[in-house]
Amino acid sequence: QKESLLKNALNKAKAKGVKIRIVAPITKLNKSAADALGKYGSVKHVDDIKARFCVIDGKAVTMMALDENTHPNYDFGVWVNTEFLAKAFENIFNMLWAKAR
């Protein structure tokens, strides 16, 4: 269910001309998922990132809490609508993007 919701949202965003860039640690286990996401935007590999966040138009940021030590039932996200924080996360993302391959 989550996968189809994400695909639909990415497809709509791509159709509207949204620039989608994804940085993630790509492994043998998730390579097919990374390839599938590549249909919607640019996907790059980065080693050892311990964060999940999304910057929206430099004006808002979402952060998700799930990591390998958290049960998926306890995953949650926070949406913050502040340009100051969004710009800070955008700078972090751009640094990751520059060093990713």
Protein backbone atom coordinates (compact mmCIF):
# COMPACT_ATOMS: atom_id res chain seq x y z
CA GLN A 1 0.00 0.00 0.00
CA LYS A 2 2.73 2.50 0.99
CA GLU A 3 4.66 1.68 -2.17
CA SER A 4 1.73 2.40 -4.49
CA LEU A 5 0.95 5.66 -2.65
CA LEU A 6 4.56 6.78 -3.04
CA LYS A 7 4.64 5.83 -6.73
CA ASN A 8 1.41 7.73 -7.38
CA ALA A 9 2.68 10.83 -5.56
CA LEU A 10 6.03 10.73 -7.41
CA ASN A 11 4.30 10.20 -10.74
CA LYS A 12 2.02 13.22 -10.17
CA ALA A 13 4.96 15.36 -9.08
CA LYS A 14 7.02 14.34 -12.11
CA ALA A 15 4.08 15.12 -14.42
CA LYS A 16 3.94 18.64 -12.92
CA GLY A 17 7.64 19.16 -13.62
CA VAL A 18 8.85 18.77 -10.04
CA LYS A 19 12.58 18.12 -9.78
CA ILE A 20 12.94 14.92 -7.75
CA ARG A 21 16.36 14.06 -6.32
CA ILE A 22 16.96 11.12 -3.98
CA VAL A 23 20.13 10.32 -2.04
CA ALA A 24 20.27 6.97 -0.24
CA PRO A 25 22.63 4.17 0.67
CA ILE A 26 22.05 1.76 -2.23
CA THR A 27 22.81 -1.89 -1.50
CA LYS A 28 22.17 -5.23 -3.18
CA LEU A 29 19.03 -5.51 -1.04
CA ASN A 30 17.46 -2.21 -2.18
CA LYS A 31 18.94 -1.76 -5.67
CA SER A 32 15.68 -2.73 -7.39
CA ALA A 33 13.80 -0.13 -5.33
CA ALA A 34 16.42 2.51 -6.21
CA ASP A 35 16.10 1.60 -9.89
CA ALA A 36 12.31 1.90 -9.65
CA LEU A 37 12.63 5.35 -8.03
CA GLY A 38 14.94 6.38 -10.87
CA LYS A 39 11.91 6.43 -13.17
CA TYR A 40 10.69 9.52 -11.32
CA GLY A 41 13.91 11.46 -10.81
CA SER A 42 17.63 11.26 -10.12
CA VAL A 43 18.86 8.73 -7.58
CA LYS A 44 22.40 8.75 -6.18
CA HIS A 45 24.24 6.50 -3.74
CA VAL A 46 25.79 7.89 -0.58
CA ASP A 47 27.50 5.86 2.11
CA ASP A 48 26.26 5.69 5.67
CA ILE A 49 23.51 8.29 5.83
CA LYS A 50 21.51 8.08 9.05
CA ALA A 51 18.60 10.36 8.20
CA ARG A 52 15.30 10.37 6.34
CA PHE A 53 14.01 13.76 5.31
CA CYS A 54 12.39 15.54 2.41
CA VAL A 55 12.68 19.22 1.52
CA ILE A 56 9.69 20.72 -0.30
CA ASP A 57 10.35 23.82 -2.40
CA GLY A 58 12.82 25.15 0.18
CA LYS A 59 9.83 26.06 2.34
CA ALA A 60 8.97 22.93 4.33
CA VAL A 61 10.69 19.78 5.52
CA THR A 62 9.47 16.35 6.57
CA MET A 63 11.54 14.12 8.84
CA MET A 64 10.90 10.45 9.49
CA ALA A 65 12.00 8.54 12.59
CA LEU A 66 12.30 4.92 11.43
CA ASP A 67 15.73 3.31 11.63
CA GLU A 68 16.96 -0.27 11.86
CA ASN A 69 16.31 -0.33 15.62
CA THR A 70 12.71 0.88 15.43
CA HIS A 71 9.80 -1.45 14.73
CA PRO A 72 7.96 -0.35 11.52
CA ASN A 73 4.74 0.04 13.52
CA TYR A 74 6.38 2.93 15.40
CA ASP A 75 7.52 4.84 12.32
CA PHE A 76 6.30 8.43 12.26
CA GLY A 77 7.02 11.66 10.48
CA VAL A 78 7.05 15.33 11.32
CA TRP A 79 6.16 18.05 8.81
CA VAL A 80 7.59 21.47 9.62
CA ASN A 81 6.40 24.45 7.61
CA THR A 82 9.26 26.87 8.18
CA GLU A 83 11.54 28.24 5.50
CA PHE A 84 14.44 28.66 7.94
CA LEU A 85 14.58 24.94 8.81
CA ALA A 86 13.81 23.89 5.23
CA LYS A 87 16.76 25.92 3.92
CA ALA A 88 19.04 24.32 6.51
CA PHE A 89 17.97 20.83 5.43
CA GLU A 90 18.24 21.86 1.78
CA ASN A 91 21.89 22.82 2.41
CA ILE A 92 22.50 19.44 4.07
CA PHE A 93 20.87 17.67 1.13
CA ASN A 94 22.93 19.64 -1.41
CA MET A 95 26.16 18.68 0.40
CA LEU A 96 25.10 15.02 0.35
CA TRP A 97 24.12 15.30 -3.34
CA ALA A 98 27.51 16.77 -4.24
CA LYS A 99 29.43 13.91 -2.63
CA ALA A 100 27.04 11.14 -3.76
CA ARG A 101 27.69 8.97 -6.79
